[in-house]
Amino acid sequence: MNARVTPALYQFGTRFFVVFLGLAVWAFWPSYFARLFEQPTMWHHAHGIVLTLWLGMLVMQAQLVRTQRRSWHRQIGKLSYVVAPALVVITTVFIHQRVSAGFVGLPELPAIGLYFLALTLLSLVAFAIFYGLAIARRRDSQTHARWMLCTVFPLVTPVTDRLIGAHLPLFVGMVPRIEGTPILPTIGFAAADLLLMALAWWDWRRNRRLDVFPVALGVLLVYHVGTLTLHRVPIWNAFCTWFLGLPLS
């Protein structure tokens, strides 16, 4: 293991997580943080709390390792065994609760509904893959850290969509549309992919490693392409119809 990697990796990770957490709070401030007592269901709170917990844990864990407080890192890391599955389960139910009221019972869902379900459900699959690989390699701190860093990338578009819609309206007219709706996640997809490409290039040049970031990029590309194309696939309509019929909300 190259000991020089740890400071660079964790310094970047800490800053990256702090910046992303700040952007997430900024993006969700008007709709959630400024209206804590006006949320329509408990699932809005559960979703907001678990995502904030996850991002906060990433900041804390990277900082603990960077400052050599590894025993604290290991103890707090055990909370991820609860928080990460809770994020997947709560978000799945939250998605179901948001979508099912408008579309349940329809034999064929509209393209925009199929697109939204692909966007959200596939992001959870990508998150679960990255977290699962991080836990599987938890005894290899360098590999574990890289996979934990990757767990942020499936969470990018809810943040970028809101910031672009609120502060960069010029970009709204530049993205593709589905049934007239601008697909703002394409910008978040591009940003995430470019950052992962840069990380892959850095890791190869500095450490001769291609075992994490290029693989993560491949997973993200499958997620991104699936999001933009599955609304045209009949079997995806069948799956989404079945999913919305489940008694989850």
C-alpha atoms as a PDB file:
ATOM      1  CA  MET A   1       0.000   0.000   0.000  1.00  0.00           C
ATOM      2  CA  ASN A   2       1.307   3.441  -0.853  1.00  0.00           C
ATOM      3  CA  ALA A   3       1.239   5.394   2.399  1.00  0.00           C
ATOM      4  CA  ARG A   4       1.308   8.689   0.507  1.00  0.00           C
ATOM      5  CA  VAL A   5      -2.143   8.010  -0.908  1.00  0.00           C
ATOM      6  CA  THR A   6      -4.031   8.257   2.368  1.00  0.00           C
ATOM      7  CA  PRO A   7      -3.522  11.995   3.048  1.00  0.00           C
ATOM      8  CA  ALA A   8      -4.410  13.006  -0.512  1.00  0.00           C
ATOM      9  CA  LEU A   9      -7.415  10.701  -0.698  1.00  0.00           C
ATOM     10  CA  TYR A  10      -8.888  11.683   2.651  1.00  0.00           C
ATOM     11  CA  GLN A  11      -8.159  15.375   2.263  1.00  0.00           C
ATOM     12  CA  PHE A  12     -10.012  15.344  -1.042  1.00  0.00           C
ATOM     13  CA  GLY A  13     -12.774  13.159   0.404  1.00  0.00           C
ATOM     14  CA  THR A  14     -13.341  15.440   3.388  1.00  0.00           C
ATOM     15  CA  ARG A  15     -13.542  18.549   1.226  1.00  0.00           C
ATOM     16  CA  PHE A  16     -15.697  16.847  -1.381  1.00  0.00           C
ATOM     17  CA  PHE A  17     -18.178  15.608   1.224  1.00  0.00           C
ATOM     18  CA  VAL A  18     -18.345  19.003   2.951  1.00  0.00           C
ATOM     19  CA  VAL A  19     -18.962  20.800  -0.344  1.00  0.00           C
ATOM     20  CA  PHE A  20     -21.602  18.297  -1.423  1.00  0.00           C
ATOM     21  CA  LEU A  21     -23.377  18.472   1.949  1.00  0.00           C
ATOM     22  CA  GLY A  22     -23.391  22.265   1.698  1.00  0.00           C
ATOM     23  CA  LEU A  23     -24.798  22.128  -1.826  1.00  0.00           C
ATOM     24  CA  ALA A  24     -27.457  19.639  -0.700  1.00  0.00           C
ATOM     25  CA  VAL A  25     -28.598  21.911   2.139  1.00  0.00           C
ATOM     26  CA  TRP A  26     -28.666  24.870  -0.265  1.00  0.00           C
ATOM     27  CA  ALA A  27     -30.625  22.896  -2.861  1.00  0.00           C
ATOM     28  CA  PHE A  28     -33.207  21.585  -0.404  1.00  0.00           C
ATOM     29  CA  TRP A  29     -33.442  24.681   1.777  1.00  0.00           C
ATOM     30  CA  PRO A  30     -36.532  26.188   0.077  1.00  0.00           C
ATOM     31  CA  SER A  31     -38.504  22.939  -0.130  1.00  0.00           C
ATOM     32  CA  TYR A  32     -37.444  21.167   3.060  1.00  0.00           C
ATOM     33  CA  PHE A  33     -35.161  22.828   5.611  1.00  0.00           C
ATOM     34  CA  ALA A  34     -37.053  26.140   5.553  1.00  0.00           C
ATOM     35  CA  ARG A  35     -40.384  24.300   5.829  1.00  0.00           C
ATOM     36  CA  LEU A  36     -39.733  21.603   8.400  1.00  0.00           C
ATOM     37  CA  PHE A  37     -43.199  21.973   9.916  1.00  0.00           C
ATOM     38  CA  GLU A  38     -45.009  22.082   6.577  1.00  0.00           C
ATOM     39  CA  GLN A  39     -44.046  18.710   5.096  1.00  0.00           C
ATOM     40  CA  PRO A  40     -47.080  16.726   3.888  1.00  0.00           C
ATOM     41  CA  THR A  41     -46.075  13.268   5.187  1.00  0.00           C
ATOM     42  CA  MET A  42     -43.691  11.632   7.618  1.00  0.00           C
ATOM     43  CA  TRP A  43     -41.902  10.082   4.642  1.00  0.00           C
ATOM     44  CA  HIS A  44     -40.645  13.507   3.579  1.00  0.00           C
ATOM     45  CA  HIS A  45     -39.015  13.843   7.009  1.00  0.00           C
ATOM     46  CA  ALA A  46     -37.701  10.278   7.036  1.00  0.00           C
ATOM     47  CA  HIS A  47     -36.180  10.764   3.591  1.00  0.00           C
ATOM     48  CA  GLY A  48     -34.611  14.100   4.508  1.00  0.00           C
ATOM     49  CA  ILE A  49     -33.243  12.850   7.819  1.00  0.00           C
ATOM     50  CA  VAL A  50     -31.658   9.666   6.489  1.00  0.00           C
ATOM     51  CA  LEU A  51     -29.970  11.426   3.560  1.00  0.00           C
ATOM     52  CA  THR A  52     -28.644  14.179   5.831  1.00  0.00           C
ATOM     53  CA  LEU A  53     -27.360  11.532   8.243  1.00  0.00           C
ATOM     54  CA  TRP A  54     -25.572   9.702   5.442  1.00  0.00           C
ATOM     55  CA  LEU A  55     -23.848  12.807   4.100  1.00  0.00           C
ATOM     56  CA  GLY A  56     -22.962  13.926   7.618  1.00  0.00           C
ATOM     57  CA  MET A  57     -21.468  10.516   8.368  1.00  0.00           C
ATOM     58  CA  LEU A  58     -19.319  10.692   5.235  1.00  0.00           C
ATOM     59  CA  VAL A  59     -17.917  14.059   6.332  1.00  0.00           C
ATOM     60  CA  MET A  60     -17.242  12.811   9.849  1.00  0.00           C
ATOM     61  CA  GLN A  61     -15.691   9.512   8.793  1.00  0.00           C
ATOM     62  CA  ALA A  62     -13.299  11.061   6.298  1.00  0.00           C
ATOM     63  CA  GLN A  63     -12.220  13.637   8.873  1.00  0.00           C
ATOM     64  CA  LEU A  64     -11.691  10.979  11.557  1.00  0.00           C
ATOM     65  CA  VAL A  65      -9.412   8.956   9.301  1.00  0.00           C
ATOM     66  CA  ARG A  66      -7.581  12.052   8.094  1.00  0.00           C
ATOM     67  CA  THR A  67      -6.835  12.955  11.734  1.00  0.00           C
ATOM     68  CA  GLN A  68      -5.835   9.362  12.612  1.00  0.00           C
ATOM     69  CA  ARG A  69      -8.768   8.712  14.975  1.00  0.00           C
ATOM     70  CA  ARG A  70      -9.389   5.283  13.515  1.00  0.00           C
ATOM     71  CA  SER A  71     -11.021   3.701  16.570  1.00  0.00           C
ATOM     72  CA  TRP A  72     -13.754   6.344  16.452  1.00  0.00           C
ATOM     73  CA  HIS A  73     -14.005   5.799  12.713  1.00  0.00           C
ATOM     74  CA  ARG A  74     -14.625   2.073  13.205  1.00  0.00           C
ATOM     75  CA  GLN A  75     -17.235   2.612  15.909  1.00  0.00           C
ATOM     76  CA  ILE A  76     -19.183   5.250  13.986  1.00  0.00           C
ATOM     77  CA  GLY A  77     -18.829   3.171  10.832  1.00  0.00           C
ATOM     78  CA  LYS A  78     -20.996   0.496  12.408  1.00  0.00           C
ATOM     79  CA  LEU A  79     -23.905   2.940  12.216  1.00  0.00           C
ATOM     80  CA  SER A  80     -23.715   2.670   8.440  1.00  0.00           C
ATOM     81  CA  TYR A  81     -25.072  -0.879   8.737  1.00  0.00           C
ATOM     82  CA  VAL A  82     -28.329   0.791   9.796  1.00  0.00           C
ATOM     83  CA  VAL A  83     -28.224   4.106   7.934  1.00  0.00           C
ATOM     84  CA  ALA A  84     -27.375   2.767   4.456  1.00  0.00           C
ATOM     85  CA  PRO A  85     -30.139   0.099   4.354  1.00  0.00           C
ATOM     86  CA  ALA A  86     -32.535   2.639   5.876  1.00  0.00           C
ATOM     87  CA  LEU A  87     -31.662   5.074   3.088  1.00  0.00           C
ATOM     88  CA  VAL A  88     -32.527   2.468   0.457  1.00  0.00           C
ATOM     89  CA  VAL A  89     -35.751   1.305   2.136  1.00  0.00           C
ATOM     90  CA  ILE A  90     -37.052   4.746   3.113  1.00  0.00           C
ATOM     91  CA  THR A  91     -36.290   6.229  -0.299  1.00  0.00           C
ATOM     92  CA  THR A  92     -37.989   3.297  -2.041  1.00  0.00           C
ATOM     93  CA  VAL A  93     -41.141   3.822   0.013  1.00  0.00           C
ATOM     94  CA  PHE A  94     -40.908   7.590  -0.487  1.00  0.00           C
ATOM     95  CA  ILE A  95     -40.709   7.135  -4.268  1.00  0.00           C
ATOM     96  CA  HIS A  96     -43.674   4.757  -4.178  1.00  0.00           C
ATOM     97  CA  GLN A  97     -45.670   7.179  -2.048  1.00  0.00           C
ATOM     98  CA  ARG A  98     -44.969  10.081  -4.422  1.00  0.00           C
ATOM     99  CA  VAL A  99     -45.736   8.251  -7.666  1.00  0.00           C
ATOM    100  CA  SER A 100     -48.372   5.636  -6.900  1.00  0.00           C
ATOM    101  CA  ALA A 101     -51.205   8.074  -6.190  1.00  0.00           C
ATOM    102  CA  GLY A 102     -51.091   9.401  -9.740  1.00  0.00           C
ATOM    103  CA  PHE A 103     -50.339   6.263 -11.713  1.00  0.00           C
ATOM    104  CA  VAL A 104     -51.406   3.148  -9.806  1.00  0.00           C
ATOM    105  CA  GLY A 105     -53.863   0.992 -11.722  1.00  0.00           C
ATOM    106  CA  LEU A 106     -52.847   2.270 -15.148  1.00  0.00           C
ATOM    107  CA  PRO A 107     -51.968  -0.576 -17.552  1.00  0.00           C
ATOM    108  CA  GLU A 108     -49.400   1.629 -19.274  1.00  0.00           C
ATOM    109  CA  LEU A 109     -47.552   4.385 -17.475  1.00  0.00           C
ATOM    110  CA  PRO A 110     -46.675   7.685 -19.176  1.00  0.00           C
ATOM    111  CA  ALA A 111     -43.095   8.045 -20.356  1.00  0.00           C
ATOM    112  CA  ILE A 112     -42.300  10.731 -17.795  1.00  0.00           C
ATOM    113  CA  GLY A 113     -43.420   8.451 -14.962  1.00  0.00           C
ATOM    114  CA  LEU A 114     -41.328   5.568 -16.283  1.00  0.00           C
ATOM    115  CA  TYR A 115     -38.364   7.918 -16.609  1.00  0.00           C
ATOM    116  CA  PHE A 116     -38.740   9.194 -13.031  1.00  0.00           C
ATOM    117  CA  LEU A 117     -38.932   5.669 -11.634  1.00  0.00           C
ATOM    118  CA  ALA A 118     -35.808   4.689 -13.580  1.00  0.00           C
ATOM    119  CA  LEU A 119     -33.979   7.783 -12.341  1.00  0.00           C
ATOM    120  CA  THR A 120     -34.763   7.146  -8.698  1.00  0.00           C
ATOM    121  CA  LEU A 121     -34.781   3.356  -8.436  1.00  0.00           C
ATOM    122  CA  LEU A 122     -31.604   2.861 -10.467  1.00  0.00           C
ATOM    123  CA  SER A 123     -29.835   5.446  -8.321  1.00  0.00           C
ATOM    124  CA  LEU A 124     -30.629   3.300  -5.283  1.00  0.00           C
ATOM    125  CA  VAL A 125     -29.249   0.227  -7.037  1.00  0.00           C
ATOM    126  CA  ALA A 126     -26.005   2.075  -7.822  1.00  0.00           C
ATOM    127  CA  PHE A 127     -25.777   3.353  -4.238  1.00  0.00           C
ATOM    128  CA  ALA A 128     -26.323  -0.157  -2.859  1.00  0.00           C
ATOM    129  CA  ILE A 129     -23.625  -1.576  -5.156  1.00  0.00           C
ATOM    130  CA  PHE A 130     -21.070   1.019  -4.082  1.00  0.00           C
ATOM    131  CA  TYR A 131     -21.887   0.662  -0.389  1.00  0.00           C
ATOM    132  CA  GLY A 132     -21.857  -3.134  -0.613  1.00  0.00           C
ATOM    133  CA  LEU A 133     -18.430  -3.091  -2.259  1.00  0.00           C
ATOM    134  CA  ALA A 134     -17.167  -0.645   0.377  1.00  0.00           C
ATOM    135  CA  ILE A 135     -18.261  -2.981   3.168  1.00  0.00           C
ATOM    136  CA  ALA A 136     -16.896  -6.050   1.384  1.00  0.00           C
ATOM    137  CA  ARG A 137     -13.482  -4.321   1.234  1.00  0.00           C
ATOM    138  CA  ARG A 138     -13.626  -2.675   4.653  1.00  0.00           C
ATOM    139  CA  ARG A 139     -10.351  -4.325   5.753  1.00  0.00           C
ATOM    140  CA  ASP A 140      -8.532  -2.671   2.855  1.00  0.00           C
ATOM    141  CA  SER A 141      -8.737   0.960   3.911  1.00  0.00           C
ATOM    142  CA  GLN A 142      -7.640   2.376   0.559  1.00  0.00           C
ATOM    143  CA  THR A 143     -10.210   0.438  -1.466  1.00  0.00           C
ATOM    144  CA  HIS A 144     -12.917   0.926   1.175  1.00  0.00           C
ATOM    145  CA  ALA A 145     -12.391   4.689   1.117  1.00  0.00           C
ATOM    146  CA  ARG A 146     -12.680   4.828  -2.654  1.00  0.00           C
ATOM    147  CA  TRP A 147     -15.969   2.929  -2.706  1.00  0.00           C
ATOM    148  CA  MET A 148     -17.404   5.069   0.094  1.00  0.00           C
ATOM    149  CA  LEU A 149     -16.482   8.156  -1.912  1.00  0.00           C
ATOM    150  CA  CYS A 150     -18.423   6.692  -4.831  1.00  0.00           C
ATOM    151  CA  THR A 151     -21.647   6.442  -2.783  1.00  0.00           C
ATOM    152  CA  VAL A 152     -22.155  10.174  -3.336  1.00  0.00           C
ATOM    153  CA  PHE A 153     -22.382   9.953  -7.121  1.00  0.00           C
ATOM    154  CA  PRO A 154     -25.852   8.314  -7.310  1.00  0.00           C
ATOM    155  CA  LEU A 155     -27.131  11.151  -5.082  1.00  0.00           C
ATOM    156  CA  VAL A 156     -25.937  14.007  -7.285  1.00  0.00           C
ATOM    157  CA  THR A 157     -28.960  14.772  -9.468  1.00  0.00           C
ATOM    158  CA  PRO A 158     -31.506  15.731  -6.780  1.00  0.00           C
ATOM    159  CA  VAL A 159     -29.033  18.447  -5.777  1.00  0.00           C
ATOM    160  CA  THR A 160     -27.974  19.619  -9.234  1.00  0.00           C
ATOM    161  CA  ASP A 161     -31.553  19.595 -10.556  1.00  0.00           C
ATOM    162  CA  ARG A 162     -32.749  21.977  -7.859  1.00  0.00           C
ATOM    163  CA  LEU A 163     -29.776  24.310  -8.058  1.00  0.00           C
ATOM    164  CA  ILE A 164     -29.971  24.529 -11.849  1.00  0.00           C
ATOM    165  CA  GLY A 165     -33.733  25.036 -11.836  1.00  0.00           C
ATOM    166  CA  ALA A 166     -33.508  27.798  -9.234  1.00  0.00           C
ATOM    167  CA  HIS A 167     -30.283  29.582 -10.166  1.00  0.00           C
ATOM    168  CA  LEU A 168     -29.223  28.597 -13.703  1.00  0.00           C
ATOM    169  CA  PRO A 169     -32.432  28.683 -15.774  1.00  0.00           C
ATOM    170  CA  LEU A 170     -30.430  29.168 -18.970  1.00  0.00           C
ATOM    171  CA  PHE A 171     -29.474  25.481 -18.846  1.00  0.00           C
ATOM    172  CA  VAL A 172     -33.099  24.339 -18.646  1.00  0.00           C
ATOM    173  CA  GLY A 173     -33.599  25.049 -22.334  1.00  0.00           C
ATOM    174  CA  MET A 174     -30.430  23.202 -23.320  1.00  0.00           C
ATOM    175  CA  VAL A 175     -31.277  19.713 -22.059  1.00  0.00           C
ATOM    176  CA  PRO A 176     -33.334  16.982 -23.785  1.00  0.00           C
ATOM    177  CA  ARG A 177     -37.018  16.584 -22.941  1.00  0.00           C
ATOM    178  CA  ILE A 178     -39.416  13.720 -22.336  1.00  0.00           C
ATOM    179  CA  GLU A 179     -43.072  14.589 -22.940  1.00  0.00           C
ATOM    180  CA  GLY A 180     -42.098  18.258 -22.755  1.00  0.00           C
ATOM    181  CA  THR A 181     -40.343  17.947 -19.389  1.00  0.00           C
ATOM    182  CA  PRO A 182     -36.689  19.077 -19.370  1.00  0.00           C
ATOM    183  CA  ILE A 183     -34.401  16.272 -18.209  1.00  0.00           C
ATOM    184  CA  LEU A 184     -32.123  18.270 -15.924  1.00  0.00           C
ATOM    185  CA  PRO A 185     -30.383  15.158 -14.535  1.00  0.00           C
ATOM    186  CA  THR A 186     -28.400  14.962 -17.775  1.00  0.00           C
ATOM    187  CA  ILE A 187     -26.280  17.824 -16.429  1.00  0.00           C
ATOM    188  CA  GLY A 188     -25.759  16.076 -13.106  1.00  0.00           C
ATOM    189  CA  PHE A 189     -24.940  12.865 -14.956  1.00  0.00           C
ATOM    190  CA  ALA A 190     -22.277  14.639 -17.009  1.00  0.00           C
ATOM    191  CA  ALA A 191     -20.764  16.290 -13.921  1.00  0.00           C
ATOM    192  CA  ALA A 192     -20.597  12.993 -12.022  1.00  0.00           C
ATOM    193  CA  ASP A 193     -19.117  11.130 -14.978  1.00  0.00           C
ATOM    194  CA  LEU A 194     -16.471  13.785 -15.604  1.00  0.00           C
ATOM    195  CA  LEU A 195     -15.450  13.824 -11.944  1.00  0.00           C
ATOM    196  CA  LEU A 196     -15.170  10.045 -11.873  1.00  0.00           C
ATOM    197  CA  MET A 197     -13.083  10.140 -15.051  1.00  0.00           C
ATOM    198  CA  ALA A 198     -10.763  12.637 -13.369  1.00  0.00           C
ATOM    199  CA  LEU A 199     -10.503  10.436 -10.269  1.00  0.00           C
ATOM    200  CA  ALA A 200      -9.791   7.379 -12.408  1.00  0.00           C
ATOM    201  CA  TRP A 201      -7.051   9.267 -14.258  1.00  0.00           C
ATOM    202  CA  TRP A 202      -5.531  10.498 -10.969  1.00  0.00           C
ATOM    203  CA  ASP A 203      -5.647   7.037  -9.405  1.00  0.00           C
ATOM    204  CA  TRP A 204      -3.952   5.438 -12.399  1.00  0.00           C
ATOM    205  CA  ARG A 205      -1.290   8.114 -12.715  1.00  0.00           C
ATOM    206  CA  ARG A 206      -0.562   8.258  -8.988  1.00  0.00           C
ATOM    207  CA  ASN A 207      -1.174   4.677  -7.849  1.00  0.00           C
ATOM    208  CA  ARG A 208      -1.533   2.528 -10.979  1.00  0.00           C
ATOM    209  CA  ARG A 209      -5.020   1.531  -9.800  1.00  0.00           C
ATOM    210  CA  LEU A 210      -7.964   0.772 -12.064  1.00  0.00           C
ATOM    211  CA  ASP A 211      -9.970  -1.373  -9.655  1.00  0.00           C
ATOM    212  CA  VAL A 212     -12.455   1.173  -8.258  1.00  0.00           C
ATOM    213  CA  PHE A 213     -13.132   4.425 -10.087  1.00  0.00           C
ATOM    214  CA  PRO A 214     -13.344   2.964 -13.631  1.00  0.00           C
ATOM    215  CA  VAL A 215     -15.682   0.241 -12.316  1.00  0.00           C
ATOM    216  CA  ALA A 216     -17.792   2.866 -10.564  1.00  0.00           C
ATOM    217  CA  LEU A 217     -17.910   4.867 -13.784  1.00  0.00           C
ATOM    218  CA  GLY A 218     -19.198   1.783 -15.601  1.00  0.00           C
ATOM    219  CA  VAL A 219     -21.960   1.335 -13.008  1.00  0.00           C
ATOM    220  CA  LEU A 220     -22.920   5.006 -13.297  1.00  0.00           C
ATOM    221  CA  LEU A 221     -23.026   4.848 -17.085  1.00  0.00           C
ATOM    222  CA  VAL A 222     -25.414   1.874 -16.937  1.00  0.00           C
ATOM    223  CA  TYR A 223     -27.558   3.856 -14.478  1.00  0.00           C
ATOM    224  CA  HIS A 224     -27.490   6.987 -16.644  1.00  0.00           C
ATOM    225  CA  VAL A 225     -28.203   5.225 -19.939  1.00  0.00           C
ATOM    226  CA  GLY A 226     -30.958   3.190 -18.277  1.00  0.00           C
ATOM    227  CA  THR A 227     -32.573   6.337 -16.912  1.00  0.00           C
ATOM    228  CA  LEU A 228     -32.705   7.912 -20.359  1.00  0.00           C
ATOM    229  CA  THR A 229     -33.873   4.845 -22.298  1.00  0.00           C
ATOM    230  CA  LEU A 230     -35.916   2.489 -20.120  1.00  0.00           C
ATOM    231  CA  HIS A 231     -39.139   4.449 -20.614  1.00  0.00           C
ATOM    232  CA  ARG A 232     -39.158   2.969 -24.140  1.00  0.00           C
ATOM    233  CA  VAL A 233     -38.804  -0.652 -22.946  1.00  0.00           C
ATOM    234  CA  PRO A 234     -42.070  -2.597 -22.395  1.00  0.00           C
ATOM    235  CA  ILE A 235     -40.636  -4.794 -19.648  1.00  0.00           C
ATOM    236  CA  TRP A 236     -39.776  -1.688 -17.632  1.00  0.00           C
ATOM    237  CA  ASN A 237     -43.407  -0.590 -17.862  1.00  0.00           C
ATOM    238  CA  ALA A 238     -44.444  -4.028 -16.594  1.00  0.00           C
ATOM    239  CA  PHE A 239     -41.998  -3.821 -13.689  1.00  0.00           C
ATOM    240  CA  CYS A 240     -43.085  -0.291 -12.725  1.00  0.00           C
ATOM    241  CA  THR A 241     -46.762  -1.234 -12.891  1.00  0.00           C
ATOM    242  CA  TRP A 242     -46.040  -4.132 -10.550  1.00  0.00           C
ATOM    243  CA  PHE A 243     -43.947  -1.923  -8.241  1.00  0.00           C
ATOM    244  CA  LEU A 244     -46.632   0.749  -7.944  1.00  0.00           C
ATOM    245  CA  GLY A 245     -49.188  -1.936  -7.126  1.00  0.00           C
ATOM    246  CA  LEU A 246     -47.251  -3.024  -4.038  1.00  0.00           C
ATOM    247  CA  PRO A 247     -48.797  -1.968  -0.698  1.00  0.00           C
ATOM    248  CA  LEU A 248     -45.833   0.159   0.363  1.00  0.00           C
ATOM    249  CA  SER A 249     -47.583   3.436   1.082  1.00  0.00           C
END
